[in-house]
Amino acid sequence: MDKLKKYQDILANYLVEYSKIKPANLPDIDSYAIIDRENNHFQLLQLGWQGEDYFFTVVLHFDIKNGKVWFQRNITDRDVVDELMEMGVEKKDIVLGFRYPKMRRVCQEKREIV
């Protein structure tokens, strides 16, 4: 299996499994895995009603660019990077897109997740 398909499958499976978890404190909120393999965008959305207020948020967002998984958004308390590595994403192929580019270079020089 080529790396692109492998990473697409990992991200899709991760989001589908995560979307099955019902937030205990948000009973009227539904989770949706949005999977766009053609353009390599992967999101977990949550939406619904919280009392009388409409709730809509992107919980997780990943892109695949140039063979790397770009981790763009995370508003969970999960160790998503560790979980993705356990599923087969190589550490060197994970980019923390939400970090300022200069910080990504510093981390890369230290051989940390960028």
Protein backbone atom coordinates (compact mmCIF):
# COMPACT_ATOMS: atom_id res chain seq x y z
CA MET A 1 0.00 0.00 0.00
CA ASP A 2 1.40 3.40 -0.88
CA LYS A 3 1.94 5.93 1.88
CA LEU A 4 -0.80 8.33 0.73
CA LYS A 5 -3.51 5.65 0.82
CA LYS A 6 -2.18 4.34 4.14
CA TYR A 7 -2.38 7.80 5.74
CA GLN A 8 -5.80 8.47 4.22
CA ASP A 9 -7.07 5.18 5.69
CA ILE A 10 -5.56 5.92 9.11
CA LEU A 11 -7.10 9.40 9.29
CA ALA A 12 -10.48 8.22 8.00
CA ASN A 13 -10.61 5.33 10.49
CA TYR A 14 -9.47 7.57 13.35
CA LEU A 15 -12.19 10.15 12.67
CA VAL A 16 -14.95 7.59 12.09
CA GLU A 17 -14.15 5.85 15.39
CA TYR A 18 -13.89 9.17 17.24
CA SER A 19 -17.24 10.31 15.79
CA LYS A 20 -18.96 7.35 17.51
CA ILE A 21 -18.10 8.76 20.95
CA LYS A 22 -21.06 10.72 22.29
CA PRO A 23 -19.99 13.67 24.48
CA ALA A 24 -21.52 12.99 27.91
CA ASN A 25 -21.98 16.68 28.66
CA LEU A 26 -23.49 17.47 25.22
CA PRO A 27 -26.38 15.03 24.70
CA ASP A 28 -27.91 16.91 21.75
CA ILE A 29 -24.64 17.25 19.82
CA ASP A 30 -23.81 14.91 16.94
CA SER A 31 -20.35 14.19 15.55
CA TYR A 32 -19.56 13.78 11.86
CA ALA A 33 -16.42 12.54 10.15
CA ILE A 34 -15.88 14.56 6.98
CA ILE A 35 -13.52 12.66 4.70
CA ASP A 36 -12.33 14.16 1.40
CA ARG A 37 -9.77 11.72 -0.01
CA GLU A 38 -9.62 13.50 -3.38
CA ASN A 39 -8.34 16.74 -1.80
CA ASN A 40 -6.82 15.14 1.32
CA HIS A 41 -8.88 16.98 3.94
CA PHE A 42 -10.18 15.17 7.03
CA GLN A 43 -12.35 16.73 9.74
CA LEU A 44 -14.43 15.87 12.74
CA LEU A 45 -17.38 18.24 13.16
CA GLN A 46 -19.77 18.50 16.06
CA LEU A 47 -23.10 20.23 15.71
CA GLY A 48 -26.50 20.41 17.27
CA TRP A 49 -28.17 22.25 20.11
CA GLN A 50 -26.86 23.14 23.51
CA GLY A 51 -29.98 24.34 25.26
CA GLU A 52 -31.31 27.14 23.08
CA ASP A 53 -27.93 27.80 21.44
CA TYR A 54 -26.84 26.30 18.15
CA PHE A 55 -23.49 24.52 18.46
CA PHE A 56 -21.10 24.01 15.53
CA THR A 57 -17.38 23.43 15.72
CA VAL A 58 -14.49 21.73 13.98
CA VAL A 59 -13.01 19.45 16.62
CA LEU A 60 -10.16 17.94 14.58
CA HIS A 61 -8.76 18.80 11.17
CA PHE A 62 -5.99 17.10 9.20
CA ASP A 63 -4.60 17.60 5.71
CA ILE A 64 -2.16 15.44 3.81
CA LYS A 65 0.37 17.55 1.90
CA ASN A 66 3.52 16.30 0.18
CA GLY A 67 3.34 12.95 1.97
CA LYS A 68 2.98 14.48 5.43
CA VAL A 69 0.01 14.60 7.79
CA TRP A 70 -0.64 18.23 8.69
CA PHE A 71 -2.39 18.41 12.05
CA GLN A 72 -4.34 21.68 11.74
CA ARG A 73 -6.77 21.72 14.68
CA ASN A 74 -7.37 19.87 17.92
CA ILE A 75 -9.77 20.97 20.64
CA THR A 76 -9.72 17.63 22.43
CA ASP A 77 -7.67 16.53 25.41
CA ARG A 78 -6.45 13.43 23.56
CA ASP A 79 -2.83 12.72 22.63
CA VAL A 80 -3.73 12.61 18.95
CA VAL A 81 -0.14 12.60 17.69
CA ASP A 82 0.70 9.56 19.84
CA GLU A 83 -2.48 7.82 18.72
CA LEU A 84 -1.69 8.45 15.04
CA MET A 85 1.85 7.13 15.49
CA GLU A 86 0.45 3.99 17.14
CA MET A 87 -1.76 3.56 14.07
CA GLY A 88 1.23 3.78 11.71
CA VAL A 89 1.88 7.44 10.87
CA GLU A 90 5.62 8.04 11.04
CA LYS A 91 6.76 10.74 13.48
CA LYS A 92 8.76 12.46 10.73
CA ASP A 93 5.57 12.74 8.66
CA ILE A 94 3.54 14.68 11.24
CA VAL A 95 3.48 18.47 11.00
CA LEU A 96 1.76 20.61 13.62
CA GLY A 97 0.23 23.08 11.20
CA PHE A 98 -1.21 25.21 14.00
CA ARG A 99 2.31 26.05 15.18
CA TYR A 100 4.01 29.18 13.87
CA PRO A 101 6.39 28.19 11.01
CA LYS A 102 9.53 29.35 12.86
CA MET A 103 8.60 27.14 15.82
CA ARG A 104 8.14 24.18 13.47
CA ARG A 105 11.70 24.69 12.18
CA VAL A 106 13.11 24.87 15.72
CA CYS A 107 11.34 21.66 16.67
CA GLN A 108 12.51 20.00 13.45
CA GLU A 109 16.13 20.83 14.28
CA LYS A 110 15.61 19.23 17.70
CA ARG A 111 13.99 16.23 15.91
CA GLU A 112 10.70 16.76 17.70
CA ILE A 113 7.26 16.68 16.12
CA VAL A 114 7.04 19.77 13.94
